[in-house]
Protein backbone atom coordinates (compact mmCIF):
# COMPACT_ATOMS: atom_id res chain seq x y z
CA MET A 1 -0.04 -0.01 -0.02
CA LYS A 2 1.35 3.39 -0.91
CA PRO A 3 2.29 5.77 1.93
CA PHE A 4 -0.37 8.28 1.08
CA ARG A 5 -3.13 5.71 1.05
CA LEU A 6 -1.78 4.26 4.27
CA LEU A 7 -1.89 7.63 5.85
CA LEU A 8 -5.35 8.30 4.71
CA THR A 9 -6.59 4.93 5.96
CA VAL A 10 -5.12 5.58 9.35
CA VAL A 11 -6.74 9.01 9.53
CA LEU A 12 -10.19 7.62 8.56
CA MET A 13 -9.87 4.80 11.16
CA ILE A 14 -8.91 7.27 13.92
CA ALA A 15 -11.90 9.50 12.85
CA ALA A 16 -14.28 6.48 12.84
CA MET A 17 -13.01 5.54 16.37
CA SER A 18 -13.52 9.07 17.62
CA LEU A 19 -17.12 9.11 16.27
CA ALA A 20 -17.73 5.68 17.78
CA THR A 21 -16.43 6.72 21.24
CA ALA A 22 -17.76 10.23 21.29
CA GLN A 23 -20.72 10.53 23.78
CA PRO A 24 -23.66 12.77 23.17
CA SER A 25 -24.13 15.59 25.77
CA VAL A 26 -27.26 17.20 27.07
CA ILE A 27 -27.94 20.88 26.59
CA PHE A 28 -30.40 22.81 28.85
CA ASP A 29 -32.42 25.83 27.92
CA LEU A 30 -33.70 27.26 31.20
CA ARG A 31 -36.22 30.18 30.95
CA LEU A 32 -36.72 31.88 34.25
CA PRO A 33 -36.97 35.70 34.34
CA ASN A 34 -34.63 37.78 36.43
CA TYR A 35 -37.55 38.99 38.81
CA ASP A 36 -37.13 42.24 40.68
CA VAL A 37 -39.57 41.02 43.36
CA ILE A 38 -40.42 37.43 44.18
CA TYR A 39 -43.24 36.09 46.16
CA LEU A 40 -41.45 33.43 48.17
CA SER A 41 -44.20 30.75 48.02
CA ASP A 42 -43.98 31.06 44.17
CA LEU A 43 -40.34 29.77 44.26
CA VAL A 44 -39.84 27.64 47.35
CA ASP A 45 -42.09 25.62 49.60
CA ILE A 46 -40.19 26.41 52.79
CA ARG A 47 -42.47 24.40 55.14
CA ASN A 48 -42.16 21.21 53.10
CA VAL A 49 -38.48 22.19 52.06
CA ARG A 50 -38.87 21.71 48.20
CA LEU A 51 -39.25 23.74 45.18
CA ALA A 52 -42.63 25.22 44.43
CA GLU A 53 -44.81 23.07 42.07
CA ASN A 54 -45.62 25.90 39.80
CA ILE A 55 -42.95 28.47 39.41
CA PRO A 56 -44.29 31.23 37.27
CA ASP A 57 -42.92 31.60 33.74
CA MET A 58 -40.31 28.78 34.23
CA SER A 59 -39.62 26.22 31.63
CA ILE A 60 -36.73 23.89 31.08
CA GLU A 61 -35.88 22.09 27.84
CA MET A 62 -33.43 19.26 27.69
CA ARG A 63 -32.01 18.18 24.31
CA THR A 64 -29.27 15.93 23.05
CA ASP A 65 -26.23 17.17 21.26
CA PRO A 66 -25.99 16.00 18.58
CA PRO A 67 -29.77 16.07 18.03
CA GLY A 68 -31.73 12.89 17.52
CA GLN A 69 -30.11 10.79 20.24
CA GLN A 70 -31.92 8.61 22.79
CA LEU A 71 -30.41 8.42 26.22
CA MET A 72 -31.35 6.96 29.59
CA VAL A 73 -30.43 9.56 32.11
CA TYR A 74 -31.10 10.87 35.58
CA ILE A 75 -30.82 14.34 37.15
CA ARG A 76 -29.40 15.75 40.32
CA LEU A 77 -31.04 18.86 41.80
CA ARG A 78 -29.72 21.51 44.19
CA ALA A 79 -31.48 24.63 45.46
CA ALA A 80 -29.77 27.11 47.78
CA ILE A 81 -30.31 30.60 49.29
CA GLN A 82 -27.97 33.25 50.33
CA LEU A 83 -29.65 36.13 52.16
CA ARG A 84 -28.10 39.60 52.28
CA GLY A 85 -25.51 39.65 55.03
CA ASP A 86 -24.91 35.90 54.97
CA ALA A 87 -21.36 34.78 54.25
CA GLN A 88 -22.28 31.98 51.79
CA PRO A 89 -25.23 30.21 50.34
CA GLU A 90 -26.91 27.39 52.29
CA ASP A 91 -28.56 24.38 50.59
CA VAL A 92 -32.28 24.26 50.99
CA VAL A 93 -32.79 20.86 49.25
CA ARG A 94 -30.72 18.40 47.19
CA GLY A 95 -32.25 15.58 45.32
CA GLU A 96 -31.92 12.85 42.66
CA SER A 97 -34.34 11.53 40.12
CA ASN A 98 -35.20 8.12 38.84
CA ASP A 99 -33.85 6.99 35.46
CA PHE A 100 -35.93 8.35 32.54
CA ALA A 101 -35.63 8.41 28.75
CA LEU A 102 -34.47 11.45 26.86
CA ASP A 103 -35.55 11.02 23.38
CA ASN A 104 -33.98 13.90 21.46
CA SER A 105 -35.56 16.55 23.60
CA ARG A 106 -38.18 17.08 26.40
CA LEU A 107 -39.61 19.75 28.68
CA ILE A 108 -39.10 19.57 32.44
CA SER A 109 -41.62 21.32 34.63
CA SER A 110 -41.15 22.73 38.06
CA ARG A 111 -43.70 20.08 39.26
CA ASP A 112 -41.15 17.48 38.01
CA LEU A 113 -38.46 18.97 40.12
CA SER A 114 -40.59 19.70 43.21
CA GLY A 115 -40.77 16.05 44.22
CA SER A 116 -44.52 16.00 44.14
CA GLY A 117 -44.53 13.85 41.11
CA GLY A 118 -44.52 14.71 37.49
CA ARG A 119 -45.24 12.48 34.42
CA ASP A 120 -42.42 9.94 34.77
CA ILE A 121 -39.86 11.86 36.83
CA ARG A 122 -39.69 11.58 40.66
CA ILE A 123 -37.18 13.46 42.81
CA ARG A 124 -35.89 11.49 45.76
CA THR A 125 -34.68 13.99 48.42
CA SER A 126 -31.10 13.40 49.59
CA TYR A 127 -30.87 16.47 51.79
CA GLN A 128 -33.33 18.92 53.32
CA MET A 129 -32.55 22.02 55.33
CA PRO A 130 -32.91 21.00 58.93
CA ASP A 131 -35.57 22.38 61.27
CA ASN A 132 -32.96 24.02 63.47
CA SER A 133 -31.24 25.80 60.51
CA ALA A 134 -30.69 29.55 61.16
CA LEU A 135 -31.69 30.18 57.47
CA ARG A 136 -34.92 28.15 57.86
CA GLN A 137 -35.87 30.04 61.08
CA LYS A 138 -35.20 33.35 59.35
CA LEU A 139 -37.36 32.46 56.37
CA GLU A 140 -40.26 31.01 58.39
CA ASP A 141 -40.29 34.23 60.62
CA TYR A 142 -40.09 36.32 57.50
CA ILE A 143 -42.96 34.74 55.65
CA GLN A 144 -45.26 35.19 58.67
CA ARG A 145 -44.81 38.90 58.25
CA PHE A 146 -44.24 39.42 54.45
CA PRO A 147 -45.45 37.59 51.34
CA THR A 148 -42.41 38.46 49.25
CA ALA A 149 -39.00 36.94 49.32
CA PRO A 150 -36.24 38.70 51.41
CA VAL A 151 -33.33 40.35 49.59
CA GLY A 152 -30.67 37.85 48.68
CA THR A 153 -29.61 35.42 45.90
CA TYR A 154 -31.47 32.26 45.02
CA PHE A 155 -29.65 29.41 43.29
CA LEU A 156 -30.85 26.50 41.20
CA GLU A 157 -28.51 23.87 39.82
CA ILE A 158 -29.48 20.90 37.65
CA GLU A 159 -27.06 18.22 36.44
CA VAL A 160 -27.82 15.28 34.19
CA TYR A 161 -25.93 11.93 34.33
CA ASP A 162 -25.87 8.82 32.27
CA ALA A 163 -28.11 6.15 33.75
CA VAL A 164 -25.70 3.29 32.79
CA ASN A 165 -22.33 4.84 33.65
CA ARG A 166 -23.85 6.79 36.67
CA THR A 167 -20.70 8.93 37.27
CA GLN A 168 -20.67 10.32 33.75
CA LYS A 169 -22.16 13.78 33.67
CA ARG A 170 -23.86 14.68 30.39
CA GLY A 171 -24.78 18.24 31.09
CA GLU A 172 -25.63 20.98 33.64
CA ILE A 173 -27.41 24.24 34.12
CA ARG A 174 -27.02 26.78 36.90
CA LYS A 175 -29.24 29.81 37.49
CA ALA A 176 -28.82 32.52 40.12
CA ILE A 177 -31.67 35.01 40.79
CA THR A 178 -30.64 38.10 42.67
CA VAL A 179 -33.53 39.70 44.57
CA ARG A 180 -32.60 43.41 45.22
CA ASN A 181 -36.00 44.56 46.55
CA ALA A 182 -38.13 42.99 49.16
CA SER A 183 -41.27 44.73 47.68
CA GLU A 184 -42.15 46.76 44.62
CA SER A 185 -42.37 49.93 46.74
CA GLU A 186 -38.62 49.74 47.22
CA VAL A 187 -38.00 50.35 43.47
CA VAL A 188 -37.29 54.10 43.52
CA VAL A 189 -37.64 56.29 40.55
CA SER A 190 -36.60 59.96 41.23
CA LEU A 191 -36.60 63.09 39.11
CA VAL A 192 -33.63 65.41 39.05
CA SER A 193 -34.21 68.14 36.56
CA PRO A 194 -36.09 70.25 35.59
CA GLU A 195 -37.04 70.93 39.14
CA GLN A 196 -40.58 71.51 40.24
CA ALA A 197 -42.06 74.74 38.74
CA ALA A 198 -38.77 75.51 36.92
CA ASN A 199 -38.60 78.12 34.17
CA VAL A 200 -36.93 76.37 31.23
CA PRO A 201 -35.37 78.75 28.65
CA THR A 202 -35.75 76.36 25.63
CA THR A 203 -38.35 74.39 23.84
CA PHE A 204 -35.89 71.45 23.85
CA PRO A 205 -35.32 70.91 27.57
CA THR A 206 -33.12 68.09 28.90
CA PHE A 207 -34.74 65.77 31.47
CA THR A 208 -32.66 63.91 34.05
CA TRP A 209 -33.77 61.21 36.58
CA THR A 210 -32.44 58.33 38.61
CA SER A 211 -33.79 54.76 38.54
CA GLU A 212 -32.75 51.39 39.80
CA LYS A 213 -34.16 49.94 36.51
CA THR A 214 -32.36 50.63 33.24
CA ASN A 215 -35.57 50.70 31.21
CA VAL A 216 -38.00 53.71 31.81
CA THR A 217 -40.72 55.51 29.88
CA LEU A 218 -40.57 59.29 29.85
CA TYR A 219 -43.89 61.29 29.58
CA VAL A 220 -44.45 64.97 28.96
CA TYR A 221 -47.97 66.51 29.05
CA GLU A 222 -49.29 70.08 28.77
CA MET A 223 -50.78 71.59 31.87
CA LEU A 224 -53.81 73.60 30.65
CA PRO A 225 -55.69 76.21 32.70
CA ILE A 226 -58.67 73.90 32.80
CA HIS A 227 -56.70 71.26 34.58
CA ARG A 228 -57.20 71.45 38.45
CA SER A 229 -54.16 69.26 39.23
CA PRO A 230 -51.35 67.40 37.47
CA GLU A 231 -53.09 64.16 38.04
CA GLU A 232 -56.00 65.55 35.90
CA ALA A 233 -53.59 66.66 33.13
CA VAL A 234 -52.06 63.25 32.67
CA THR A 235 -55.37 61.73 31.75
CA GLY A 236 -55.07 63.25 28.27
CA LEU A 237 -52.83 62.62 25.35
CA PRO A 238 -49.08 63.09 26.07
CA TYR A 239 -47.00 65.57 24.18
CA LEU A 240 -44.25 62.98 24.29
CA ARG A 241 -43.96 59.33 25.33
CA ARG A 242 -40.52 57.77 24.75
CA ASP A 243 -39.22 54.41 25.90
CA ILE A 244 -35.56 54.83 27.01
CA VAL A 245 -33.05 52.04 27.67
CA GLY A 246 -29.78 52.31 29.63
CA ALA A 247 -29.87 56.13 29.92
CA SER A 248 -30.91 58.58 32.76
CA THR A 249 -31.07 61.77 30.64
CA PHE A 250 -32.99 62.75 27.51
CA THR A 251 -33.32 65.87 25.51
CA TYR A 252 -36.73 66.74 23.99
CA PRO A 253 -36.29 65.77 20.31
CA ALA A 254 -36.58 68.19 17.50
CA ASP A 255 -38.55 65.70 15.46
CA ALA A 256 -41.13 65.04 18.14
CA GLU A 257 -44.69 64.87 16.85
CA ARG A 258 -45.66 67.76 19.18
CA ARG A 259 -43.45 70.76 19.82
CA LEU A 260 -43.17 72.55 23.09
CA GLU A 261 -44.12 76.23 22.94
CA MET A 262 -42.80 79.37 24.71
CA GLY A 263 -45.09 80.51 27.50
CA ARG A 264 -46.76 77.19 27.91
CA ARG A 265 -46.81 75.18 31.19
CA TYR A 266 -45.95 71.35 31.02
CA LEU A 267 -45.49 68.42 33.33
CA TRP A 268 -43.29 65.43 33.19
CA PHE A 269 -42.50 62.14 34.87
CA VAL A 270 -40.97 58.69 34.29
CA GLU A 271 -42.28 55.22 34.80
CA THR A 272 -40.59 51.79 35.01
CA LYS A 273 -41.77 48.22 35.22
CA VAL A 274 -41.29 46.09 38.20
CA LEU A 275 -41.15 42.36 37.23
CA THR A 276 -42.67 40.08 39.94
CA THR A 277 -43.82 36.54 39.97
CA ARG A 278 -47.35 37.81 40.15
CA GLY A 279 -47.06 40.00 37.10
CA ASP A 280 -45.63 43.42 36.07
CA LEU A 281 -46.18 46.39 38.14
CA THR A 282 -45.70 50.08 37.42
CA ARG A 283 -43.65 52.39 39.42
CA ARG A 284 -44.05 56.10 38.76
CA SER A 285 -41.88 59.00 39.86
CA ASP A 286 -43.51 62.10 41.25
CA VAL A 287 -44.92 64.55 38.64
CA ARG A 288 -43.26 67.86 38.14
CA THR A 289 -44.36 71.00 36.27
CA PHE A 290 -42.21 73.34 34.32
CA ARG A 291 -42.89 76.45 32.07
CA VAL A 292 -40.97 77.24 28.98
CA ARG A 293 -39.76 80.85 29.17
CA PRO A 294 -36.94 82.81 27.54
CA GLU A 295 -33.90 83.46 29.73
CA THR A 296 -34.38 86.98 31.37
CA GLY A 297 -33.12 88.79 34.31
CA ASP A 298 -36.52 88.48 35.89
CA ASN A 299 -36.47 84.68 35.40
CA ALA A 300 -33.07 84.50 36.95
CA LEU A 301 -34.42 86.53 39.93
CA ALA A 302 -37.33 84.22 40.21
CA ARG A 303 -35.10 81.24 40.44
CA LEU A 304 -33.00 82.93 43.18
CA LEU A 305 -35.99 83.82 45.20
CA SER A 306 -37.28 80.27 45.00
CA THR A 307 -34.20 79.16 46.90
CA LEU A 308 -35.36 81.10 50.09
CA PRO A 309 -35.95 78.88 53.10
CA GLY A 310 -39.21 77.92 54.84
CA GLU A 311 -42.56 78.75 53.46
CA VAL A 312 -41.38 81.49 51.37
CA SER A 313 -40.03 79.25 48.65
CA SER A 314 -43.43 77.29 48.35
CA GLN A 315 -45.41 80.54 48.33
CA LEU A 316 -43.21 81.95 45.54
CA SER A 317 -43.44 78.76 43.67
CA GLN A 318 -47.14 78.91 43.62
CA LEU A 319 -47.16 82.50 42.48
CA ILE A 320 -44.78 81.66 39.71
CA GLN A 321 -46.90 78.74 38.62
CA ASP A 322 -49.86 81.16 38.51
CA GLY A 323 -47.92 83.29 36.07
CA TRP A 324 -46.46 85.96 38.32
CA VAL A 325 -43.01 87.25 37.33
CA PRO A 326 -41.05 89.40 39.90
CA SER A 327 -40.19 92.74 38.61
CA GLY A 328 -37.26 93.47 40.87
CA VAL A 329 -36.00 93.69 44.48
CA THR A 330 -35.50 96.76 46.59
CA LEU A 331 -33.41 97.05 49.77
CA ASP A 332 -34.00 100.15 51.98
CA GLY A 333 -35.80 101.74 48.97
CA GLN A 334 -32.95 101.16 46.61
CA ALA A 335 -33.18 98.65 43.71
CA ILE A 336 -30.51 95.90 43.81
CA ASN A 337 -29.63 93.41 41.06
CA PRO A 338 -29.60 89.55 41.42
CA GLY A 339 -25.85 89.54 41.98
CA GLU A 340 -26.14 91.92 44.84
CA LEU A 341 -29.08 89.92 46.26
CA THR A 342 -27.05 86.67 46.08
CA ALA A 343 -24.19 88.25 47.89
CA LEU A 344 -26.55 89.51 50.63
CA PHE A 345 -28.12 86.01 51.05
CA GLN A 346 -24.61 84.52 51.32
CA LYS A 347 -23.54 87.13 53.93
CA LEU A 348 -26.69 86.51 56.01
CA ALA A 349 -26.16 82.76 55.88
CA ARG A 350 -22.57 83.09 57.02
CA GLU A 351 -23.68 85.16 60.01
CA ASN A 352 -26.61 82.93 60.82
CA THR A 353 -28.83 85.95 60.76
CA GLU A 354 -32.54 85.32 61.24
CA VAL A 355 -34.46 87.09 58.44
CA SER A 356 -38.15 87.36 57.80
CA PHE A 357 -39.62 87.91 54.42
CA ARG A 358 -42.80 89.41 52.99
CA VAL A 359 -44.02 89.08 49.46
CA GLU A 360 -45.92 91.99 47.90
CA ASN A 361 -47.90 91.53 44.71
């Protein structure tokens, strides 16, 4: 046999042996949302120390790689919890299933993993969190007072093994859910600027806010004279509704369907979605008003007066919202400019001087 043919034959034999000895693996596709808030009973049955039977929006697909294989396998399950402040996670439950057939692919339900009995999969518990566990006592005390899960990280691990060679792992999946809020009310959305009752010198203002969630929706409405409150104004059609991802600032666009106009009064707020195991909830910031006005000395003076302490600031804000624009300031009968007024305020503050104010209209 010629050297080239001999080499080719050896290569083909090695390839054939590799294919013959190659073992198919198992791939997992675990779909479980990263919830902001979890109702603990939807995830873990603490009293019976097992996974919940119907975890919302959870699905697990197991499939062979390469496709089309038929395997006899079994799975090992581990669930653990690490509450905020704990040094490390603690196992809640570990278990092992009976042998079952994986014919190309199949779906695994949370009922299969809970140990309560699925179609042909049964989980035999090999470890349960003991009654005297500090974590178990914390959780049981907690669920007596609150329905939602405490802040921490919740772990789920699934490994699949060959049912014949029982030490041969075919695949695995690990999922960690970090709960940062014990309730939806803890998800804070705050407005930064424009401030309440601000005079904005442009029809393209820049809005700034802070939010724990990266996805928010910005709303801008016009505040008409017929509206008795901001809450009434937001029942109409918005001037602008814009979904924003990964940013905390946005400038009113020049190509917006509706343009802001000088002299008009508007309001704005942002909303975000809080994902819970009981559905999505909306968290809204406070609602602020602003007026679009050209930059003038009077407007600068109004902003300066609005920084005064106590009830003076709120009284001035209400007057400005009603359309009042201050015409000037006098001291001992003499007119002073905003710069002189600022210096006077700073001097009084340094000397801790008690001052009373009166607004004349």
